[in-house]
C-alpha atoms as a PDB file:
ATOM      1  CA  MET A   1     182.054  81.050 179.051  1.00  0.00           C
ATOM      2  CA  PRO A   2     185.459  80.711 180.767  1.00  0.00           C
ATOM      3  CA  ASP A   3     185.787  78.553 183.875  1.00  0.00           C
ATOM      4  CA  LEU A   4     185.755  80.593 187.072  1.00  0.00           C
ATOM      5  CA  SER A   5     188.307  79.706 189.725  1.00  0.00           C
ATOM      6  CA  THR A   6     186.882  78.423 192.991  1.00  0.00           C
ATOM      7  CA  LYS A   7     189.828  79.852 194.940  1.00  0.00           C
ATOM      8  CA  PRO A   8     188.435  83.363 195.674  1.00  0.00           C
ATOM      9  CA  TYR A   9     185.122  81.828 196.766  1.00  0.00           C
ATOM     10  CA  LEU A  10     186.880  79.402 199.112  1.00  0.00           C
ATOM     11  CA  ILE A  11     188.989  82.234 200.559  1.00  0.00           C
ATOM     12  CA  ARG A  12     185.840  84.268 201.252  1.00  0.00           C
ATOM     13  CA  ALA A  13     184.132  81.224 202.802  1.00  0.00           C
ATOM     14  CA  ILE A  14     187.019  80.518 205.212  1.00  0.00           C
ATOM     15  CA  TYR A  15     187.232  84.254 206.002  1.00  0.00           C
ATOM     16  CA  GLU A  16     183.520  84.329 206.850  1.00  0.00           C
ATOM     17  CA  TRP A  17     183.792  81.128 208.915  1.00  0.00           C
ATOM     18  CA  CYS A  18     186.668  82.683 210.910  1.00  0.00           C
ATOM     19  CA  ASN A  19     184.595  85.794 211.618  1.00  0.00           C
ATOM     20  CA  ASP A  20     181.469  83.813 212.560  1.00  0.00           C
ATOM     21  CA  SER A  21     183.554  81.618 214.900  1.00  0.00           C
ATOM     22  CA  GLY A  22     185.282  84.544 216.597  1.00  0.00           C
ATOM     23  CA  PHE A  23     188.661  83.648 215.082  1.00  0.00           C
ATOM     24  CA  THR A  24     191.253  85.912 213.452  1.00  0.00           C
ATOM     25  CA  PRO A  25     191.552  85.247 209.683  1.00  0.00           C
ATOM     26  CA  TYR A  26     195.112  85.150 208.327  1.00  0.00           C
ATOM     27  CA  ILE A  27     196.326  84.688 204.758  1.00  0.00           C
ATOM     28  CA  ALA A  28     199.738  83.358 203.765  1.00  0.00           C
ATOM     29  CA  VAL A  29     201.078  84.869 200.555  1.00  0.00           C
ATOM     30  CA  ALA A  30     203.871  83.808 198.194  1.00  0.00           C
ATOM     31  CA  VAL A  31     205.443  87.173 197.442  1.00  0.00           C
ATOM     32  CA  GLY A  32     206.178  87.703 193.783  1.00  0.00           C
ATOM     33  CA  GLU A  33     204.881  89.398 190.669  1.00  0.00           C
ATOM     34  CA  GLY A  34     201.974  91.728 191.344  1.00  0.00           C
ATOM     35  CA  VAL A  35     202.128  91.507 195.151  1.00  0.00           C
ATOM     36  CA  ARG A  36     202.389  94.843 196.993  1.00  0.00           C
ATOM     37  CA  VAL A  37     203.302  94.328 200.651  1.00  0.00           C
ATOM     38  CA  PRO A  38     205.932  95.921 202.915  1.00  0.00           C
ATOM     39  CA  PRO A  39     209.139  94.141 201.840  1.00  0.00           C
ATOM     40  CA  GLU A  40     210.691  94.408 205.305  1.00  0.00           C
ATOM     41  CA  HIS A  41     208.052  91.942 206.590  1.00  0.00           C
ATOM     42  CA  VAL A  42     208.680  89.288 203.902  1.00  0.00           C
ATOM     43  CA  LYS A  43     210.514  86.186 205.112  1.00  0.00           C
ATOM     44  CA  ASN A  44     211.677  83.405 202.798  1.00  0.00           C
ATOM     45  CA  GLY A  45     209.542  84.801 199.966  1.00  0.00           C
ATOM     46  CA  GLU A  46     206.345  84.652 202.043  1.00  0.00           C
ATOM     47  CA  ILE A  47     204.313  86.953 204.254  1.00  0.00           C
ATOM     48  CA  VAL A  48     201.450  86.179 206.627  1.00  0.00           C
ATOM     49  CA  LEU A  49     198.796  88.895 206.857  1.00  0.00           C
ATOM     50  CA  ASN A  50     196.073  89.454 209.438  1.00  0.00           C
ATOM     51  CA  VAL A  51     192.968  90.265 207.360  1.00  0.00           C
ATOM     52  CA  SER A  52     190.522  90.728 210.231  1.00  0.00           C
ATOM     53  CA  ALA A  53     188.172  93.713 210.232  1.00  0.00           C
ATOM     54  CA  LEU A  54     190.103  95.187 213.196  1.00  0.00           C
ATOM     55  CA  ALA A  55     193.461  94.954 211.402  1.00  0.00           C
ATOM     56  CA  THR A  56     192.407  96.240 207.974  1.00  0.00           C
ATOM     57  CA  ASN A  57     190.726  99.239 206.398  1.00  0.00           C
ATOM     58  CA  ARG A  58     188.761  99.059 203.127  1.00  0.00           C
ATOM     59  CA  LEU A  59     189.216  95.277 202.800  1.00  0.00           C
ATOM     60  CA  THR A  60     188.102  93.867 199.442  1.00  0.00           C
ATOM     61  CA  LEU A  61     188.151  90.105 198.892  1.00  0.00           C
ATOM     62  CA  GLY A  62     187.665  90.138 195.132  1.00  0.00           C
ATOM     63  CA  ASN A  63     187.819  87.457 192.462  1.00  0.00           C
ATOM     64  CA  GLU A  64     191.127  88.771 191.099  1.00  0.00           C
ATOM     65  CA  ALA A  65     192.839  90.207 194.194  1.00  0.00           C
ATOM     66  CA  ILE A  66     192.680  90.978 197.896  1.00  0.00           C
ATOM     67  CA  GLU A  67     193.164  94.679 198.635  1.00  0.00           C
ATOM     68  CA  PHE A  68     193.240  96.625 201.896  1.00  0.00           C
ATOM     69  CA  GLN A  69     195.056  99.208 203.946  1.00  0.00           C
ATOM     70  CA  ALA A  70     196.804  98.175 207.174  1.00  0.00           C
ATOM     71  CA  ARG A  71     199.307  99.561 209.641  1.00  0.00           C
ATOM     72  CA  PHE A  72     202.759  98.039 209.750  1.00  0.00           C
ATOM     73  CA  GLY A  73     204.785  99.416 212.642  1.00  0.00           C
ATOM     74  CA  GLY A  74     202.213 102.188 212.994  1.00  0.00           C
ATOM     75  CA  VAL A  75     202.579 103.314 209.369  1.00  0.00           C
ATOM     76  CA  PRO A  76     199.514 102.891 207.085  1.00  0.00           C
ATOM     77  CA  ARG A  77     200.348 100.894 203.931  1.00  0.00           C
ATOM     78  CA  GLU A  78     198.354  99.768 200.898  1.00  0.00           C
ATOM     79  CA  VAL A  79     198.372  95.989 200.365  1.00  0.00           C
ATOM     80  CA  TYR A  80     197.524  94.256 197.076  1.00  0.00           C
ATOM     81  CA  VAL A  81     197.630  90.463 196.713  1.00  0.00           C
ATOM     82  CA  PRO A  82     196.606  88.732 193.474  1.00  0.00           C
ATOM     83  CA  ILE A  83     194.429  85.712 194.325  1.00  0.00           C
ATOM     84  CA  GLU A  84     196.857  83.316 192.619  1.00  0.00           C
ATOM     85  CA  ARG A  85     199.570  84.342 195.153  1.00  0.00           C
ATOM     86  CA  VAL A  86     197.488  83.307 198.211  1.00  0.00           C
ATOM     87  CA  ILE A  87     198.838  79.998 199.506  1.00  0.00           C
ATOM     88  CA  ALA A  88     196.626  79.615 202.601  1.00  0.00           C
ATOM     89  CA  VAL A  89     193.749  81.142 204.545  1.00  0.00           C
ATOM     90  CA  TYR A  90     193.299  80.011 208.137  1.00  0.00           C
ATOM     91  CA  ALA A  91     192.317  80.901 211.694  1.00  0.00           C
ATOM     92  CA  ARG A  92     195.230  82.151 213.808  1.00  0.00           C
ATOM     93  CA  GLU A  93     193.874  80.583 216.981  1.00  0.00           C
ATOM     94  CA  ASN A  94     193.690  76.955 215.847  1.00  0.00           C
ATOM     95  CA  GLY A  95     195.342  76.757 212.410  1.00  0.00           C
ATOM     96  CA  GLN A  96     192.185  75.439 210.731  1.00  0.00           C
ATOM     97  CA  GLY A  97     191.612  76.606 207.183  1.00  0.00           C
ATOM     98  CA  MET A  98     192.737  75.778 203.677  1.00  0.00           C
ATOM     99  CA  ALA A  99     196.024  75.805 201.767  1.00  0.00           C
ATOM    100  CA  PHE A 100     196.241  76.170 197.986  1.00  0.00           C
ATOM    101  CA  GLU A 101     198.599  75.538 195.127  1.00  0.00           C
ATOM    102  CA  SER A 102     200.517  78.687 194.387  1.00  0.00           C
ATOM    103  CA  ALA A 103     202.523  80.187 191.567  1.00  0.00           C
ATOM    104  CA  ARG A 104     205.630  78.778 193.231  1.00  0.00           C
ATOM    105  CA  THR A 105     206.341  75.217 194.309  1.00  0.00           C
ATOM    106  CA  ILE A 106     205.239  74.394 197.842  1.00  0.00           C
ATOM    107  CA  PRO A 107     207.913  72.273 199.526  1.00  0.00           C
ATOM    108  CA  ILE A 108     206.596  68.974 200.805  1.00  0.00           C
ATOM    109  CA  SER A 109     208.451  67.418 203.704  1.00  0.00           C
ATOM    110  CA  ALA A 110     207.636  64.120 205.294  1.00  0.00           C
ATOM    111  CA  PRO A 111     209.194  62.648 208.426  1.00  0.00           C
ATOM    112  CA  GLY A 112     210.950  59.443 207.360  1.00  0.00           C
ATOM    113  CA  PRO A 113     210.154  57.445 204.222  1.00  0.00           C
ATOM    114  CA  VAL A 114     206.866  58.007 202.407  1.00  0.00           C
ATOM    115  CA  SER A 115     204.685  54.902 202.523  1.00  0.00           C
ATOM    116  CA  ALA A 116     202.490  53.668 199.698  1.00  0.00           C
ATOM    117  CA  GLN A 117     199.453  53.873 202.019  1.00  0.00           C
ATOM    118  CA  PRO A 118     199.327  57.367 203.537  1.00  0.00           C
ATOM    119  CA  ALA A 119     197.350  57.918 206.723  1.00  0.00           C
ATOM    120  CA  PRO A 120     193.922  59.577 206.400  1.00  0.00           C
ATOM    121  CA  PRO A 121     193.832  63.335 207.124  1.00  0.00           C
ATOM    122  CA  ARG A 122     193.473  64.286 210.774  1.00  0.00           C
ATOM    123  CA  ALA A 123     190.575  66.387 212.003  1.00  0.00           C
ATOM    124  CA  GLY A 124     191.360  70.087 211.821  1.00  0.00           C
ATOM    125  CA  ALA A 125     194.153  69.673 209.267  1.00  0.00           C
ATOM    126  CA  LEU A 126     194.596  72.166 206.446  1.00  0.00           C
ATOM    127  CA  GLU A 127     193.993  70.705 203.029  1.00  0.00           C
ATOM    128  CA  LEU A 128     195.863  71.870 199.937  1.00  0.00           C
ATOM    129  CA  ALA A 129     193.117  72.642 197.443  1.00  0.00           C
ATOM    130  CA  SER A 130     193.475  72.891 193.711  1.00  0.00           C
ATOM    131  CA  SER A 131     191.356  75.427 191.879  1.00  0.00           C
ATOM    132  CA  GLY A 132     191.820  73.425 188.701  1.00  0.00           C
ATOM    133  CA  PRO A 133     192.571  69.769 187.941  1.00  0.00           C
ATOM    134  CA  GLN A 134     193.984  67.516 190.674  1.00  0.00           C
ATOM    135  CA  LEU A 135     197.665  67.880 191.506  1.00  0.00           C
ATOM    136  CA  ALA A 136     200.061  65.959 189.290  1.00  0.00           C
ATOM    137  CA  SER A 137     201.170  64.096 192.425  1.00  0.00           C
ATOM    138  CA  GLY A 138     197.782  62.443 192.574  1.00  0.00           C
ATOM    139  CA  GLY A 139     195.571  64.380 194.919  1.00  0.00           C
ATOM    140  CA  PRO A 140     195.107  66.826 197.740  1.00  0.00           C
ATOM    141  CA  GLN A 141     197.740  67.382 200.397  1.00  0.00           C
ATOM    142  CA  THR A 142     197.253  68.018 204.080  1.00  0.00           C
ATOM    143  CA  LEU A 143     199.175  69.880 206.748  1.00  0.00           C
ATOM    144  CA  SER A 144     200.170  67.537 209.543  1.00  0.00           C
ATOM    145  CA  GLY A 145     197.941  69.379 212.036  1.00  0.00           C
ATOM    146  CA  PRO A 146     197.344  72.773 213.550  1.00  0.00           C
ATOM    147  CA  PRO A 147     200.540  74.656 214.296  1.00  0.00           C
ATOM    148  CA  THR A 148     201.503  74.942 217.933  1.00  0.00           C
ATOM    149  CA  ARG A 149     202.052  78.494 219.097  1.00  0.00           C
ATOM    150  CA  PRO A 150     202.895  80.186 222.362  1.00  0.00           C
ATOM    151  CA  PRO A 151     199.953  82.020 224.004  1.00  0.00           C
ATOM    152  CA  GLY A 152     201.000  85.337 222.401  1.00  0.00           C
ATOM    153  CA  GLY A 153     200.894  84.250 218.757  1.00  0.00           C
ATOM    154  CA  ARG A 154     203.159  82.755 216.089  1.00  0.00           C
ATOM    155  CA  THR A 155     206.403  80.967 216.833  1.00  0.00           C
ATOM    156  CA  PRO A 156     209.157  82.575 214.713  1.00  0.00           C
ATOM    157  CA  GLY A 157     210.746  80.274 212.161  1.00  0.00           C
ATOM    158  CA  VAL A 158     208.260  77.424 212.657  1.00  0.00           C
ATOM    159  CA  ARG A 159     206.280  76.414 209.595  1.00  0.00           C
ATOM    160  CA  PRO A 160     203.737  73.620 209.339  1.00  0.00           C
ATOM    161  CA  ARG A 161     204.770  70.635 207.253  1.00  0.00           C
ATOM    162  CA  LEU A 162     202.702  69.400 204.341  1.00  0.00           C
ATOM    163  CA  LYS A 163     202.290  65.708 203.719  1.00  0.00           C
ATOM    164  CA  ARG A 164     200.835  63.909 200.759  1.00  0.00           C
ATOM    165  CA  VAL A 165     197.382  62.347 201.089  1.00  0.00           C
ATOM    166  CA  LYS A 166     195.635  60.318 198.422  1.00  0.00           C
END
């Protein structure tokens, strides 16, 4: 029997936690082969999608893909995202959730030199999860904390930084 990936199960768990907590679930997607999203909303090869029940129609969080219909600029569009292209699932309001390895390389940036003894992850930080063996770099990675946003939503051009954690 082939090994099942834990990734779709973790995505569904974070999605359910967001809903139960009254948060808005978002997914970050590395746009590439197999992804069907409005290209005019893709920035730097990525797109962030609101997957809440209010923002989507016919949402399916399957083991192979996430599919739904949503309005972009008032125009209904079909969205199809293979699970392997999802790079994060998180709550818009506080940034808590989980980040994953993706089909592309996730840039890791650290302020200053990287020490041999990294700090322990902070509470509420996103963890980069591997649905297979541990990362070649030696373990999970953590976002440096919840992103700060203005009251209305996401700050354009600001992306959370990932740091290595052993």
